[in-house]
Protein backbone atom coordinates (compact mmCIF):
# COMPACT_ATOMS: atom_id res chain seq x y z
CA UNK A 1 -0.03 -0.30 -0.17
CA UNK A 2 2.74 2.81 1.00
CA UNK A 3 5.47 1.42 -2.02
CA UNK A 4 1.71 1.70 -4.45
CA UNK A 5 1.59 5.39 -2.85
CA UNK A 6 5.26 5.99 -3.40
CA UNK A 7 5.83 4.84 -6.68
CA UNK A 8 2.72 7.49 -7.66
CA UNK A 9 4.99 10.22 -6.57
CA UNK A 10 7.79 8.94 -8.72
CA UNK A 11 9.37 7.90 -5.76
CA UNK A 12 10.88 4.15 -4.38
CA UNK A 13 10.34 2.38 -0.91
CA UNK A 14 11.46 -1.33 0.40
CA UNK A 15 8.36 -3.43 -0.21
CA UNK A 16 8.62 -4.61 3.34
CA UNK A 17 9.60 -2.97 6.93
CA UNK A 18 12.76 -3.70 7.88
CA UNK A 19 13.81 -4.41 11.68
CA UNK A 20 16.12 -1.99 13.63
CA UNK A 21 17.50 -4.50 15.83
CA UNK A 22 18.15 -2.35 18.56
CA UNK A 23 19.84 0.36 16.97
CA UNK A 24 18.52 4.08 16.54
CA UNK A 25 16.08 5.10 13.25
CA UNK A 26 19.06 8.16 13.73
CA UNK A 27 21.30 5.93 12.20
CA UNK A 28 20.02 5.94 9.57
CA UNK A 29 22.16 7.05 6.51
CA UNK A 30 18.90 7.85 3.75
CA UNK A 31 15.16 8.92 3.92
CA UNK A 32 13.10 6.85 5.43
CA UNK A 33 9.25 5.86 6.55
CA UNK A 34 9.18 4.95 9.85
CA UNK A 35 7.30 2.82 11.95
CA UNK A 36 6.26 3.54 15.17
CA UNK A 37 4.81 1.32 17.95
CA UNK A 38 1.21 0.50 18.30
CA UNK A 39 -1.33 3.25 19.91
CA UNK A 40 -2.68 1.06 22.68
CA UNK A 41 -6.04 2.82 22.65
CA UNK A 42 -6.90 1.66 18.61
CA UNK A 43 -4.09 -1.08 17.91
CA UNK A 44 -2.91 1.20 15.30
CA UNK A 45 0.73 1.81 14.38
CA UNK A 46 2.03 5.36 14.15
CA UNK A 47 4.15 6.13 10.98
CA UNK A 48 6.65 8.73 10.66
CA UNK A 49 9.31 10.29 8.52
CA UNK A 50 12.72 10.09 8.92
CA UNK A 51 14.57 12.97 6.88
CA UNK A 52 18.30 11.69 6.69
CA UNK A 53 19.81 15.16 5.38
CA UNK A 54 18.03 17.51 8.65
CA UNK A 55 18.71 14.46 10.85
CA UNK A 56 14.82 15.19 12.15
CA UNK A 57 11.43 13.07 12.30
CA UNK A 58 8.63 14.52 10.13
CA UNK A 59 5.01 13.90 11.74
CA UNK A 60 2.38 14.13 10.07
CA UNK A 61 -0.27 13.98 12.45
CA UNK A 62 1.21 16.67 14.00
CA UNK A 63 0.67 15.46 17.20
CA UNK A 64 1.58 16.71 21.04
CA UNK A 65 5.10 15.94 21.38
CA UNK A 66 5.03 11.80 22.44
CA UNK A 67 7.58 9.56 22.18
CA UNK A 68 7.37 6.94 19.84
CA UNK A 69 9.29 3.73 19.64
CA UNK A 70 10.34 3.05 16.49
CA UNK A 71 10.75 -0.93 15.66
CA UNK A 72 10.91 -0.78 11.71
CA UNK A 73 11.33 1.40 8.52
CA UNK A 74 11.11 1.50 5.06
CA UNK A 75 13.90 2.92 3.05
CA UNK A 76 13.06 5.19 0.59
CA UNK A 77 14.67 5.02 -2.78
CA UNK A 78 15.70 8.60 -4.88
CA UNK A 79 16.61 8.49 -8.48
């Protein structure tokens, strides 16, 4: 689903999420879509974007500052 949306935008990303295995997303040297822990109230995952150049997380939901535990990511490929 996300890969198809990226394709429509002319971008590519991994088809499956890659686990971080105890590393921090801040170590990633490429842009990525981050998968954060589930919301225990709704059992939904939260998606964030890692901007590797700016070294910052972009949260499309613009929620109040909440710490998320990022568990995996989709690498974004740019041509």
